[in-house]
PDB file of N, CA and C in Angstrom:
ATOM      1  N   MET A   1      18.236 -24.792  -4.284  1.00  0.00           N
ATOM      2  CA  MET A   1      17.001 -25.047  -4.832  1.00  0.00           C
ATOM      3  C   MET A   1      17.637 -23.471  -6.163  1.00  0.00           C
ATOM      4  N   PHE A   2      18.867 -22.559  -5.746  1.00  0.00           N
ATOM      5  CA  PHE A   2      19.451 -21.603  -6.361  1.00  0.00           C
ATOM      6  C   PHE A   2      19.969 -22.149  -7.453  1.00  0.00           C
ATOM      7  N   ALA A   3      20.421 -23.924  -7.059  1.00  0.00           N
ATOM      8  CA  ALA A   3      20.837 -24.017  -8.812  1.00  0.00           C
ATOM      9  C   ALA A   3      20.436 -24.325  -9.883  1.00  0.00           C
ATOM     10  N   SER A   4      19.256 -24.890  -9.237  1.00  0.00           N
ATOM     11  CA  SER A   4      17.569 -25.096 -10.059  1.00  0.00           C
ATOM     12  C   SER A   4      17.623 -23.998 -10.747  1.00  0.00           C
ATOM     13  N   PHE A   5      17.657 -22.857 -10.006  1.00  0.00           N
ATOM     14  CA  PHE A   5      17.214 -21.497 -10.723  1.00  0.00           C
ATOM     15  C   PHE A   5      18.183 -21.314 -11.469  1.00  0.00           C
ATOM     16  N   ARG A   6      19.366 -21.349 -11.734  1.00  0.00           N
ATOM     17  CA  ARG A   6      21.018 -21.537 -12.428  1.00  0.00           C
ATOM     18  C   ARG A   6      20.752 -21.388 -13.419  1.00  0.00           C
ATOM     19  N   ALA A   7      20.210 -23.322 -13.477  1.00  0.00           N
ATOM     20  CA  ALA A   7      20.188 -23.812 -14.346  1.00  0.00           C
ATOM     21  C   ALA A   7      18.691 -23.728 -14.952  1.00  0.00           C
ATOM     22  N   GLY A   8      18.251 -23.000 -14.839  1.00  0.00           N
ATOM     23  CA  GLY A   8      16.757 -22.336 -15.589  1.00  0.00           C
ATOM     24  C   GLY A   8      15.707 -22.745 -15.451  1.00  0.00           C
ATOM     25  N   ARG A   9      15.364 -23.327 -14.474  1.00  0.00           N
ATOM     26  CA  ARG A   9      14.095 -23.698 -13.855  1.00  0.00           C
ATOM     27  C   ARG A   9      13.169 -22.451 -13.517  1.00  0.00           C
ATOM     28  N   SER A  10      12.063 -23.058 -13.748  1.00  0.00           N
ATOM     29  CA  SER A  10      11.020 -22.213 -13.661  1.00  0.00           C
ATOM     30  C   SER A  10      10.597 -22.700 -11.468  1.00  0.00           C
ATOM     31  N   PRO A  11      10.118 -21.724 -11.168  1.00  0.00           N
ATOM     32  CA  PRO A  11       9.060 -22.068  -9.995  1.00  0.00           C
ATOM     33  C   PRO A  11       8.496 -23.175  -9.481  1.00  0.00           C
ATOM     34  N   LYS A  12       8.194 -23.238 -10.615  1.00  0.00           N
ATOM     35  CA  LYS A  12       6.743 -24.162 -10.734  1.00  0.00           C
ATOM     36  C   LYS A  12       7.205 -25.928 -10.554  1.00  0.00           C
ATOM     37  N   GLU A  13       8.756 -25.966 -11.510  1.00  0.00           N
ATOM     38  CA  GLU A  13       9.287 -27.142 -12.230  1.00  0.00           C
ATOM     39  C   GLU A  13      10.404 -27.306 -10.560  1.00  0.00           C
ATOM     40  N   VAL A  14      10.795 -26.444  -9.411  1.00  0.00           N
ATOM     41  CA  VAL A  14      11.121 -26.478  -8.568  1.00  0.00           C
ATOM     42  C   VAL A  14       9.985 -26.969  -7.547  1.00  0.00           C
ATOM     43  N   ILE A  15       8.995 -26.634  -7.521  1.00  0.00           N
ATOM     44  CA  ILE A  15       8.352 -27.479  -6.759  1.00  0.00           C
ATOM     45  C   ILE A  15       7.761 -28.413  -6.678  1.00  0.00           C
ATOM     46  N   GLU A  16       7.672 -28.962  -7.917  1.00  0.00           N
ATOM     47  CA  GLU A  16       7.126 -30.290  -7.885  1.00  0.00           C
ATOM     48  C   GLU A  16       8.400 -31.290  -8.536  1.00  0.00           C
ATOM     49  N   PHE A  17       9.150 -30.775  -8.710  1.00  0.00           N
ATOM     50  CA  PHE A  17      10.839 -31.243  -7.957  1.00  0.00           C
ATOM     51  C   PHE A  17      11.153 -32.058  -6.773  1.00  0.00           C
ATOM     52  N   PHE A  18      11.114 -31.138  -5.407  1.00  0.00           N
ATOM     53  CA  PHE A  18      11.506 -30.657  -4.295  1.00  0.00           C
ATOM     54  C   PHE A  18      10.500 -31.396  -3.506  1.00  0.00           C
ATOM     55  N   ASN A  19       9.284 -30.749  -4.310  1.00  0.00           N
ATOM     56  CA  ASN A  19       8.250 -30.497  -2.984  1.00  0.00           C
ATOM     57  C   ASN A  19       8.308 -29.618  -1.950  1.00  0.00           C
ATOM     58  N   TYR A  20       8.819 -28.528  -2.218  1.00  0.00           N
ATOM     59  CA  TYR A  20       9.208 -27.615  -1.151  1.00  0.00           C
ATOM     60  C   TYR A  20       7.603 -26.629  -1.752  1.00  0.00           C
ATOM     61  N   PRO A  21       7.166 -25.744  -0.182  1.00  0.00           N
ATOM     62  CA  PRO A  21       5.950 -25.115  -0.424  1.00  0.00           C
ATOM     63  C   PRO A  21       6.412 -23.800  -1.608  1.00  0.00           C
ATOM     64  N   LYS A  22       4.791 -23.942  -2.010  1.00  0.00           N
ATOM     65  CA  LYS A  22       5.135 -22.654  -2.895  1.00  0.00           C
ATOM     66  C   LYS A  22       5.667 -21.416  -2.435  1.00  0.00           C
ATOM     67  N   SER A  23       5.226 -21.054  -0.905  1.00  0.00           N
ATOM     68  CA  SER A  23       5.491 -19.635  -0.636  1.00  0.00           C
ATOM     69  C   SER A  23       7.176 -19.460  -0.368  1.00  0.00           C
ATOM     70  N   THR A  24       7.962 -20.934   0.216  1.00  0.00           N
ATOM     71  CA  THR A  24       9.442 -20.919  -0.109  1.00  0.00           C
ATOM     72  C   THR A  24       9.904 -20.440  -1.287  1.00  0.00           C
ATOM     73  N   VAL A  25       9.528 -21.156  -2.209  1.00  0.00           N
ATOM     74  CA  VAL A  25      10.060 -21.035  -2.962  1.00  0.00           C
ATOM     75  C   VAL A  25       9.744 -19.757  -4.145  1.00  0.00           C
ATOM     76  N   TYR A  26       8.360 -19.230  -3.925  1.00  0.00           N
ATOM     77  CA  TYR A  26       8.560 -17.725  -4.699  1.00  0.00           C
ATOM     78  C   TYR A  26       9.032 -16.825  -3.717  1.00  0.00           C
ATOM     79  N   ASP A  27       9.483 -16.905  -2.735  1.00  0.00           N
ATOM     80  CA  ASP A  27      10.158 -16.300  -1.874  1.00  0.00           C
ATOM     81  C   ASP A  27      11.692 -16.304  -2.261  1.00  0.00           C
ATOM     82  N   GLN A  28      11.956 -17.432  -2.546  1.00  0.00           N
ATOM     83  CA  GLN A  28      13.741 -17.444  -2.891  1.00  0.00           C
ATOM     84  C   GLN A  28      13.505 -17.302  -4.418  1.00  0.00           C
ATOM     85  N   TRP A  29      12.532 -17.317  -5.592  1.00  0.00           N
ATOM     86  CA  TRP A  29      12.690 -16.730  -6.617  1.00  0.00           C
ATOM     87  C   TRP A  29      12.896 -15.244  -7.048  1.00  0.00           C
ATOM     88  N   LYS A  30      12.113 -14.524  -5.757  1.00  0.00           N
ATOM     89  CA  LYS A  30      12.058 -13.132  -5.955  1.00  0.00           C
ATOM     90  C   LYS A  30      13.257 -12.938  -5.784  1.00  0.00           C
ATOM     91  N   ALA A  31      13.838 -13.284  -4.511  1.00  0.00           N
ATOM     92  CA  ALA A  31      15.504 -12.868  -4.027  1.00  0.00           C
ATOM     93  C   ALA A  31      15.989 -12.999  -4.988  1.00  0.00           C
ATOM     94  N   TRP A  32      16.304 -14.259  -5.588  1.00  0.00           N
ATOM     95  CA  TRP A  32      17.141 -15.055  -7.251  1.00  0.00           C
ATOM     96  C   TRP A  32      17.496 -13.604  -7.801  1.00  0.00           C
ATOM     97  N   ASN A  33      16.027 -12.993  -8.738  1.00  0.00           N
ATOM     98  CA  ASN A  33      15.559 -12.200  -9.648  1.00  0.00           C
ATOM     99  C   ASN A  33      16.607 -10.443  -9.159  1.00  0.00           C
ATOM    100  N   SER A  34      15.924 -10.609  -7.871  1.00  0.00           N
ATOM    101  CA  SER A  34      16.639  -9.406  -7.558  1.00  0.00           C
ATOM    102  C   SER A  34      18.277  -9.330  -7.323  1.00  0.00           C
ATOM    103  N   PHE A  35      18.255 -10.299  -7.154  1.00  0.00           N
ATOM    104  CA  PHE A  35      20.050 -10.397  -7.122  1.00  0.00           C
ATOM    105  C   PHE A  35      20.799 -10.392  -8.405  1.00  0.00           C
ATOM    106  N   LYS A  36      20.116 -10.821  -9.557  1.00  0.00           N
ATOM    107  CA  LYS A  36      19.911 -11.325 -11.209  1.00  0.00           C
ATOM    108  C   LYS A  36      20.627  -8.983 -11.605  1.00  0.00           C
ATOM    109  N   LYS A  37      19.070  -8.515 -10.857  1.00  0.00           N
ATOM    110  CA  LYS A  37      18.899  -7.025 -11.518  1.00  0.00           C
ATOM    111  C   LYS A  37      19.800  -5.785 -11.255  1.00  0.00           C
ATOM    112  N   ILE A  38      20.547  -6.977  -9.571  1.00  0.00           N
ATOM    113  CA  ILE A  38      21.922  -6.096  -9.393  1.00  0.00           C
ATOM    114  C   ILE A  38      23.052  -5.984  -9.897  1.00  0.00           C
ATOM    115  N   ASP A  39      23.305  -7.035 -10.064  1.00  0.00           N
ATOM    116  CA  ASP A  39      24.068  -7.708 -11.000  1.00  0.00           C
ATOM    117  C   ASP A  39      24.652  -7.193 -12.387  1.00  0.00           C
ATOM    118  N   ALA A  40      23.069  -6.801 -12.990  1.00  0.00           N
ATOM    119  CA  ALA A  40      23.068  -6.404 -14.626  1.00  0.00           C
ATOM    120  C   ALA A  40      23.151  -5.343 -14.364  1.00  0.00           C
ATOM    121  N   HIS A  41      23.495  -4.381 -13.321  1.00  0.00           N
ATOM    122  CA  HIS A  41      23.565  -2.529 -13.342  1.00  0.00           C
ATOM    123  C   HIS A  41      25.125  -2.383 -12.918  1.00  0.00           C
ATOM    124  N   ARG A  42      25.835  -3.420 -12.784  1.00  0.00           N
ATOM    125  CA  ARG A  42      27.273  -2.951 -12.633  1.00  0.00           C
ATOM    126  C   ARG A  42      27.647  -2.692 -13.639  1.00  0.00           C
ATOM    127  N   LYS A  43      28.684  -1.827 -13.538  1.00  0.00           N
ATOM    128  CA  LYS A  43      29.105  -0.711 -14.270  1.00  0.00           C
ATOM    129  C   LYS A  43      30.502  -1.811 -15.343  1.00  0.00           C
ATOM    130  N   LYS A  44      30.047  -1.604 -16.654  1.00  0.00           N
ATOM    131  CA  LYS A  44      31.519  -2.918 -17.212  1.00  0.00           C
ATOM    132  C   LYS A  44      32.561  -1.991 -17.331  1.00  0.00           C
ATOM    133  N   ARG A  45      33.493  -3.026 -17.364  1.00  0.00           N
ATOM    134  CA  ARG A  45      35.160  -3.067 -17.307  1.00  0.00           C
ATOM    135  C   ARG A  45      35.198  -2.530 -18.972  1.00  0.00           C
ATOM    136  N   SER A  46      35.857  -0.846 -18.344  1.00  0.00           N
ATOM    137  CA  SER A  46      36.027  -0.700 -19.968  1.00  0.00           C
ATOM    138  C   SER A  46      37.806  -0.679 -20.297  1.00  0.00           C
ATOM    139  N   ARG A  47      37.777  -0.857 -21.520  1.00  0.00           N
ATOM    140  CA  ARG A  47      39.011  -0.950 -21.644  1.00  0.00           C
ATOM    141  C   ARG A  47      39.686   0.529 -21.874  1.00  0.00           C
ATOM    142  N   SER A  48      40.994   0.349 -22.045  1.00  0.00           N
ATOM    143  CA  SER A  48      41.835   1.496 -22.303  1.00  0.00           C
ATOM    144  C   SER A  48      42.160   1.826 -23.446  1.00  0.00           C
ATOM    145  N   LEU A  49      42.114   3.455 -23.631  1.00  0.00           N
ATOM    146  CA  LEU A  49      42.270   4.144 -24.577  1.00  0.00           C
ATOM    147  C   LEU A  49      43.947   4.310 -25.267  1.00  0.00           C
ATOM    148  N   GLY A  50      44.454   3.815 -24.029  1.00  0.00           N
ATOM    149  CA  GLY A  50      46.256   3.976 -24.528  1.00  0.00           C
ATOM    150  C   GLY A  50      46.650   2.369 -25.117  1.00  0.00           C
ATOM    151  N   ALA A  51      45.554   1.394 -25.032  1.00  0.00           N
ATOM    152  CA  ALA A  51      46.230   0.199 -25.300  1.00  0.00           C
ATOM    153  C   ALA A  51      45.675  -0.083 -27.033  1.00  0.00           C
ATOM    154  N   THR A  52      45.354   0.736 -27.406  1.00  0.00           N
ATOM    155  CA  THR A  52      44.782   0.492 -28.924  1.00  0.00           C
ATOM    156  C   THR A  52      45.863   0.957 -29.670  1.00  0.00           C
ATOM    157  N   ARG A  53      46.118   0.062 -30.498  1.00  0.00           N
ATOM    158  CA  ARG A  53      47.205  -0.119 -31.642  1.00  0.00           C
ATOM    159  C   ARG A  53      46.600   0.648 -32.757  1.00  0.00           C
ATOM    160  N   THR A  54      47.872   1.811 -33.210  1.00  0.00           N
ATOM    161  CA  THR A  54      47.383   2.847 -34.307  1.00  0.00           C
ATOM    162  C   THR A  54      48.143   2.111 -34.999  1.00  0.00           C
ATOM    163  N   ASP A  55      48.123   3.297 -36.714  1.00  0.00           N
ATOM    164  CA  ASP A  55      49.340   2.344 -37.744  1.00  0.00           C
ATOM    165  C   ASP A  55      49.997   3.797 -36.842  1.00  0.00           C
ATOM    166  N   GLU A  56      50.387   4.425 -36.531  1.00  0.00           N
ATOM    167  CA  GLU A  56      51.331   5.327 -36.198  1.00  0.00           C
ATOM    168  C   GLU A  56      52.309   4.660 -35.039  1.00  0.00           C
ATOM    169  N   PHE A  57      51.358   3.749 -34.510  1.00  0.00           N
ATOM    170  CA  PHE A  57      52.253   3.524 -32.953  1.00  0.00           C
ATOM    171  C   PHE A  57      52.932   2.503 -33.668  1.00  0.00           C
ATOM    172  N   VAL A  58      52.320   1.300 -34.846  1.00  0.00           N
ATOM    173  CA  VAL A  58      52.931   0.279 -35.549  1.00  0.00           C
ATOM    174  C   VAL A  58      54.396   0.991 -36.654  1.00  0.00           C
ATOM    175  N   ALA A  59      54.040   1.956 -36.620  1.00  0.00           N
ATOM    176  CA  ALA A  59      54.858   2.505 -37.820  1.00  0.00           C
ATOM    177  C   ALA A  59      56.612   3.133 -36.839  1.00  0.00           C
ATOM    178  N   GLU A  60      56.231   3.196 -35.898  1.00  0.00           N
ATOM    179  CA  GLU A  60      57.633   3.770 -34.944  1.00  0.00           C
ATOM    180  C   GLU A  60      58.519   2.759 -34.769  1.00  0.00           C
TER     181      GLU A  60
END
C-alpha cells in the first residue's frame, strides 16, 4: 500500500485496485502524510563556508 502512495496513487485508486476497506486505506494514508510532513521539516544539511573558493584562495 505504501508503495502505491510513493508512486503517487490516491487512496481511491488504492481502494479500487486492492479492494481494501476504506477505513484501512485512509488510516494508512493519514499515517503516510504525517510521516512526509515530519521528513519535510528536518533541517537541511548546510555547506561549510570554508569550502568556498575565493579569488584570494586561488591566487595563493
